[in-house]
Amino acid sequence: MSPRYQVSGVPAFNDNYIWVLHDQRHAVVVDPGEGFPAIRFLRDQGLALAAILITHHHGDHVGGIEELQQAQSQPVPVYGPRAENIEGVTCLVAEPDTVFIPELEISFQVLDIPGHTAGHIAYRGDGRLFCGDTLFACGCGRVFEGTPVQMAASLDKLAALPENTEVYCAHEYTLSNIAFAKAIEPHNAALLQRASAAAETRRQGLPTVPSTIRLELRTNPFLRCREPSVIQAVLSHTGTQPLDSVAVFAALRQWKNTF
């Protein structure tokens, strides 16, 4: 991992995280759904905002852009998905674009990961992945604008990243996601260990994220749609043999929607 900067999670709303990448002088803010928490963090740490990164258009990820910009002495670049119309975004990006932030010497590869929204993107760099609402800790986002085929492909793309990649999702949904995962794979030892660790982490008032691709591959049912145990769970729940991994994903997502 890069020694040049650290990542802090700033709580927003009830369960959002605004990720702030920062060194001793500059900061990049990811998905500021609210302006004030990010502004307060920058002020308290004595940081100058260098850029804003947006993964998708939902209000709890973009609602603070204008307030953040108004708090600056001059506007900063706001990167966001080319396929979505987001007020305040000044630099439209899509795969395979690269975003370079000179103040922090950070480069991010842009990944197209549609499904949750039509143009959802992620930012990958320095062994870290900022993936908005596509991949959650032990879960995934709802399929609002895309299709199960798109969402399954997006998750497959993220699952193929190096296993030591740190996963920075945008919500503290881990315990509820684990409860669903345990209904799918009640005998998954790695999942049971994760459940215990996550529960203790939350008892201490600490965030359960970031995760890693390695941990997600071992415990997240939405990345395990080809595993016999997950396929069997879907068959038992629906009474129908799924035709392929996309059908498994679609059944899991529908199941989770009402879990």
Protein backbone atom coordinates (compact mmCIF):
# COMPACT_ATOMS: atom_id res chain seq x y z
CA MET A 1 0.00 0.00 0.00
CA SER A 2 1.12 3.53 -0.73
CA PRO A 3 2.87 5.35 2.14
CA ARG A 4 2.06 8.72 0.55
CA TYR A 5 -1.42 9.09 1.98
CA GLN A 6 -3.97 7.56 4.33
CA VAL A 7 -7.69 6.98 4.02
CA SER A 8 -10.24 8.10 6.61
CA GLY A 9 -13.92 7.25 6.68
CA VAL A 10 -16.12 10.21 7.57
CA PRO A 11 -19.61 9.09 8.70
CA ALA A 12 -22.60 10.68 6.98
CA PHE A 13 -26.37 10.19 7.25
CA ASN A 14 -27.19 6.96 9.11
CA ASP A 15 -24.78 4.52 7.50
CA ASN A 16 -22.80 6.23 4.73
CA TYR A 17 -19.04 6.68 4.62
CA ILE A 18 -17.43 9.60 2.84
CA TRP A 19 -13.89 8.45 2.11
CA VAL A 20 -11.16 11.06 2.42
CA LEU A 21 -7.69 10.34 1.04
CA HIS A 22 -5.14 12.69 2.57
CA ASP A 23 -1.56 13.41 3.47
CA GLN A 24 -0.44 16.26 5.69
CA ARG A 25 -1.62 18.96 3.28
CA HIS A 26 -4.08 17.82 0.63
CA ALA A 27 -7.16 15.65 0.40
CA VAL A 28 -9.42 13.91 -2.10
CA VAL A 29 -13.05 13.30 -1.12
CA VAL A 30 -15.00 10.33 -2.49
CA ASP A 31 -18.81 10.43 -2.77
CA PRO A 32 -19.71 13.36 -0.50
CA GLY A 33 -23.41 12.80 0.07
CA GLU A 34 -23.28 15.57 2.67
CA GLY A 35 -21.02 18.58 2.55
CA PHE A 36 -20.66 19.54 6.19
CA PRO A 37 -19.06 16.32 7.56
CA ALA A 38 -16.38 16.46 4.86
CA ILE A 39 -15.83 20.19 5.30
CA ARG A 40 -15.48 19.76 9.07
CA PHE A 41 -12.96 16.92 8.60
CA LEU A 42 -10.87 18.98 6.17
CA ARG A 43 -10.95 21.97 8.51
CA ASP A 44 -10.06 19.98 11.62
CA GLN A 45 -7.16 18.27 9.83
CA GLY A 46 -5.94 21.45 8.15
CA LEU A 47 -6.30 19.96 4.67
CA ALA A 48 -6.77 21.63 1.29
CA LEU A 49 -9.23 19.86 -0.99
CA ALA A 50 -7.60 18.79 -4.26
CA ALA A 51 -10.41 16.87 -6.00
CA ILE A 52 -13.73 15.08 -5.59
CA LEU A 53 -14.42 11.60 -6.96
CA ILE A 54 -18.00 10.47 -7.67
CA THR A 55 -19.02 6.88 -8.37
CA HIS A 56 -22.71 7.35 -9.29
CA HIS A 57 -25.57 9.83 -9.25
CA HIS A 58 -27.57 8.87 -6.14
CA GLY A 59 -28.19 11.77 -3.78
CA ASP A 60 -26.41 10.22 -0.80
CA HIS A 61 -23.22 10.24 -2.90
CA VAL A 62 -23.44 13.61 -4.63
CA GLY A 63 -25.55 15.85 -2.38
CA GLY A 64 -22.54 17.60 -0.84
CA ILE A 65 -20.68 18.56 -4.02
CA GLU A 66 -21.99 22.13 -4.19
CA GLU A 67 -21.44 22.82 -0.49
CA LEU A 68 -17.90 21.45 -0.67
CA GLN A 69 -17.11 23.61 -3.69
CA GLN A 70 -18.55 26.71 -2.02
CA ALA A 71 -16.24 26.14 0.95
CA GLN A 72 -13.15 26.34 -1.28
CA SER A 73 -11.26 29.47 -2.25
CA GLN A 74 -11.38 28.21 -5.84
CA PRO A 75 -13.22 25.29 -7.46
CA VAL A 76 -11.60 21.85 -7.55
CA PRO A 77 -12.06 19.20 -10.25
CA VAL A 78 -14.98 16.84 -9.72
CA TYR A 79 -14.64 13.49 -11.49
CA GLY A 80 -17.71 11.43 -12.24
CA PRO A 81 -19.18 8.84 -14.60
CA ARG A 82 -19.44 9.82 -18.24
CA ALA A 83 -22.69 7.87 -18.64
CA GLU A 84 -24.57 9.79 -15.92
CA ASN A 85 -25.75 13.38 -15.75
CA ILE A 86 -24.58 14.70 -12.38
CA GLU A 87 -24.74 18.37 -11.50
CA GLY A 88 -21.37 19.65 -10.35
CA VAL A 89 -19.23 17.05 -12.12
CA THR A 90 -16.58 18.81 -14.22
CA CYS A 91 -14.50 15.88 -15.51
CA LEU A 92 -16.39 12.99 -17.11
CA VAL A 93 -14.57 9.65 -17.01
CA ALA A 94 -15.13 6.03 -17.95
CA GLU A 95 -13.09 2.87 -18.40
CA PRO A 96 -10.21 2.84 -19.40
CA ASP A 97 -9.55 6.43 -18.32
CA THR A 98 -7.01 7.26 -15.64
CA VAL A 99 -7.50 9.98 -13.04
CA PHE A 100 -4.32 11.61 -11.75
CA ILE A 101 -4.33 13.80 -8.64
CA PRO A 102 -0.98 15.64 -8.68
CA GLU A 103 -1.27 17.04 -5.16
CA LEU A 104 -1.23 13.52 -3.71
CA GLU A 105 0.59 11.84 -6.61
CA ILE A 106 -2.28 9.36 -6.93
CA SER A 107 -3.39 7.68 -10.13
CA PHE A 108 -6.70 5.84 -10.35
CA GLN A 109 -7.85 3.46 -13.04
CA VAL A 110 -11.53 3.99 -13.79
CA LEU A 111 -13.65 0.83 -14.01
CA ASP A 112 -17.12 0.68 -15.53
CA ILE A 113 -19.33 -1.33 -13.18
CA PRO A 114 -22.97 -0.75 -14.20
CA GLY A 115 -25.90 -2.44 -12.53
CA HIS A 116 -26.75 -0.50 -9.40
CA THR A 117 -27.02 2.53 -11.70
CA ALA A 118 -26.61 2.67 -15.46
CA GLY A 119 -23.24 4.41 -15.40
CA HIS A 120 -21.72 3.43 -12.05
CA ILE A 121 -17.92 3.53 -11.97
CA ALA A 122 -15.18 2.62 -9.51
CA TYR A 123 -11.73 4.05 -8.88
CA ARG A 124 -8.80 1.66 -8.42
CA GLY A 125 -5.29 2.65 -7.38
CA ASP A 126 -2.50 1.82 -4.93
CA GLY A 127 -4.16 -1.48 -4.05
CA ARG A 128 -7.40 0.25 -3.08
CA LEU A 129 -10.83 0.13 -4.68
CA PHE A 130 -13.50 2.77 -4.17
CA CYS A 131 -16.60 1.04 -5.47
CA GLY A 132 -19.57 3.07 -4.23
CA ASP A 133 -22.67 0.89 -4.00
CA THR A 134 -21.72 -1.97 -6.32
CA LEU A 135 -19.75 -4.26 -4.01
CA PHE A 136 -20.47 -4.09 -0.28
CA ALA A 137 -18.80 -5.89 2.59
CA CYS A 138 -20.40 -9.34 2.32
CA GLY A 139 -23.03 -8.04 -0.09
CA CYS A 140 -23.78 -5.95 -3.15
CA GLY A 141 -26.02 -3.08 -4.17
CA ARG A 142 -29.55 -3.40 -5.46
CA VAL A 143 -30.02 -3.54 -9.22
CA PHE A 144 -31.91 -0.28 -9.78
CA GLU A 145 -31.12 0.84 -13.33
CA GLY A 146 -29.10 -1.95 -14.88
CA THR A 147 -29.77 -5.64 -15.32
CA PRO A 148 -28.71 -8.75 -13.41
CA VAL A 149 -26.44 -9.59 -16.34
CA GLN A 150 -24.68 -6.23 -16.00
CA MET A 151 -24.42 -6.40 -12.22
CA ALA A 152 -23.09 -9.96 -12.25
CA ALA A 153 -20.48 -8.96 -14.84
CA SER A 154 -19.48 -5.92 -12.77
CA LEU A 155 -19.04 -8.07 -9.67
CA ASP A 156 -17.03 -10.60 -11.66
CA LYS A 157 -14.76 -7.75 -12.80
CA LEU A 158 -14.15 -6.68 -9.22
CA ALA A 159 -13.71 -10.27 -8.03
CA ALA A 160 -10.88 -10.69 -10.54
CA LEU A 161 -8.80 -7.92 -8.94
CA PRO A 162 -5.79 -8.96 -6.84
CA GLU A 163 -6.97 -10.55 -3.61
CA ASN A 164 -5.09 -8.08 -1.41
CA THR A 165 -7.05 -5.15 -2.90
CA GLU A 166 -8.71 -3.13 -0.15
CA VAL A 167 -12.42 -2.59 -0.81
CA TYR A 168 -13.87 0.76 0.27
CA CYS A 169 -17.64 0.58 -0.12
CA ALA A 170 -19.92 3.46 0.83
CA HIS A 171 -22.20 1.97 3.50
CA GLU A 172 -22.05 0.21 6.87
CA TYR A 173 -24.29 -2.69 5.88
CA THR A 174 -21.96 -5.47 6.93
CA LEU A 175 -23.88 -7.08 9.79
CA SER A 176 -27.15 -7.31 7.85
CA ASN A 177 -25.27 -8.60 4.82
CA ILE A 178 -23.59 -11.26 6.94
CA ALA A 179 -26.96 -12.35 8.32
CA PHE A 180 -28.16 -12.99 4.77
CA ALA A 181 -24.91 -14.72 3.80
CA LYS A 182 -25.31 -17.08 6.76
CA ALA A 183 -28.75 -18.05 5.46
CA ILE A 184 -27.05 -19.04 2.19
CA GLU A 185 -23.97 -20.78 3.60
CA PRO A 186 -24.58 -21.56 7.28
CA HIS A 187 -21.54 -23.86 7.42
CA ASN A 188 -19.01 -21.55 5.75
CA ALA A 189 -16.23 -21.39 8.36
CA ALA A 190 -14.71 -18.21 6.95
CA LEU A 191 -18.13 -16.55 7.04
CA LEU A 192 -18.78 -17.58 10.64
CA GLN A 193 -15.40 -16.19 11.64
CA ARG A 194 -16.17 -12.96 9.82
CA ALA A 195 -19.54 -12.70 11.54
CA SER A 196 -17.93 -12.93 14.96
CA ALA A 197 -15.21 -10.41 14.11
CA ALA A 198 -17.62 -7.92 12.54
CA ALA A 199 -20.01 -8.09 15.48
CA GLU A 200 -17.17 -7.32 17.89
CA THR A 201 -15.96 -4.48 15.67
CA ARG A 202 -19.39 -2.87 15.70
CA ARG A 203 -19.71 -3.36 19.47
CA GLN A 204 -16.60 -1.22 19.75
CA GLY A 205 -18.19 1.43 17.55
CA LEU A 206 -15.68 0.90 14.75
CA PRO A 207 -16.30 0.54 11.00
CA THR A 208 -16.21 -2.93 9.43
CA VAL A 209 -14.79 -1.54 6.19
CA PRO A 210 -12.55 -1.55 4.28
CA SER A 211 -12.69 -5.20 3.38
CA THR A 212 -10.49 -7.09 0.90
CA ILE A 213 -11.22 -8.98 -2.28
CA ARG A 214 -9.79 -12.07 -0.58
CA LEU A 215 -12.32 -11.86 2.25
CA GLU A 216 -15.19 -11.17 -0.14
CA LEU A 217 -14.32 -14.17 -2.31
CA ARG A 218 -14.50 -16.41 0.75
CA THR A 219 -17.63 -15.00 2.39
CA ASN A 220 -19.73 -12.87 0.04
CA PRO A 221 -22.47 -14.96 -1.62
CA PHE A 222 -22.74 -12.54 -4.54
CA LEU A 223 -19.13 -13.34 -5.48
CA ARG A 224 -19.72 -17.06 -4.92
CA CYS A 225 -22.46 -17.72 -7.47
CA ARG A 226 -20.50 -20.63 -8.96
CA GLU A 227 -20.00 -22.38 -5.62
CA PRO A 228 -22.03 -25.61 -5.22
CA SER A 229 -23.20 -24.59 -1.74
CA VAL A 230 -24.61 -21.30 -3.04
CA ILE A 231 -26.24 -22.95 -6.06
CA GLN A 232 -27.85 -25.51 -3.75
CA ALA A 233 -29.17 -22.76 -1.48
CA VAL A 234 -30.80 -21.04 -4.44
CA LEU A 235 -32.29 -24.33 -5.63
CA SER A 236 -33.71 -25.03 -2.17
CA HIS A 237 -35.14 -21.52 -1.88
CA THR A 238 -36.68 -21.22 -5.35
CA GLY A 239 -37.38 -24.84 -6.19
CA THR A 240 -35.78 -24.26 -9.58
CA GLN A 241 -32.32 -25.28 -10.80
CA PRO A 242 -30.56 -22.08 -11.92
CA LEU A 243 -29.23 -22.26 -15.46
CA ASP A 244 -26.01 -20.32 -14.86
CA SER A 245 -24.18 -18.01 -12.47
CA VAL A 246 -26.21 -15.00 -13.62
CA ALA A 247 -29.43 -16.83 -12.70
CA VAL A 248 -27.91 -17.63 -9.31
CA PHE A 249 -27.02 -13.98 -8.83
CA ALA A 250 -30.49 -12.79 -9.87
CA ALA A 251 -32.15 -15.22 -7.47
CA LEU A 252 -29.83 -14.18 -4.62
CA ARG A 253 -30.45 -10.49 -5.23
CA GLN A 254 -34.22 -10.96 -5.30
CA TRP A 255 -34.01 -13.06 -2.14
CA LYS A 256 -31.93 -10.40 -0.39
CA ASN A 257 -34.39 -7.67 -1.40
CA THR A 258 -37.02 -9.18 0.88
CA PHE A 259 -34.76 -10.84 3.50
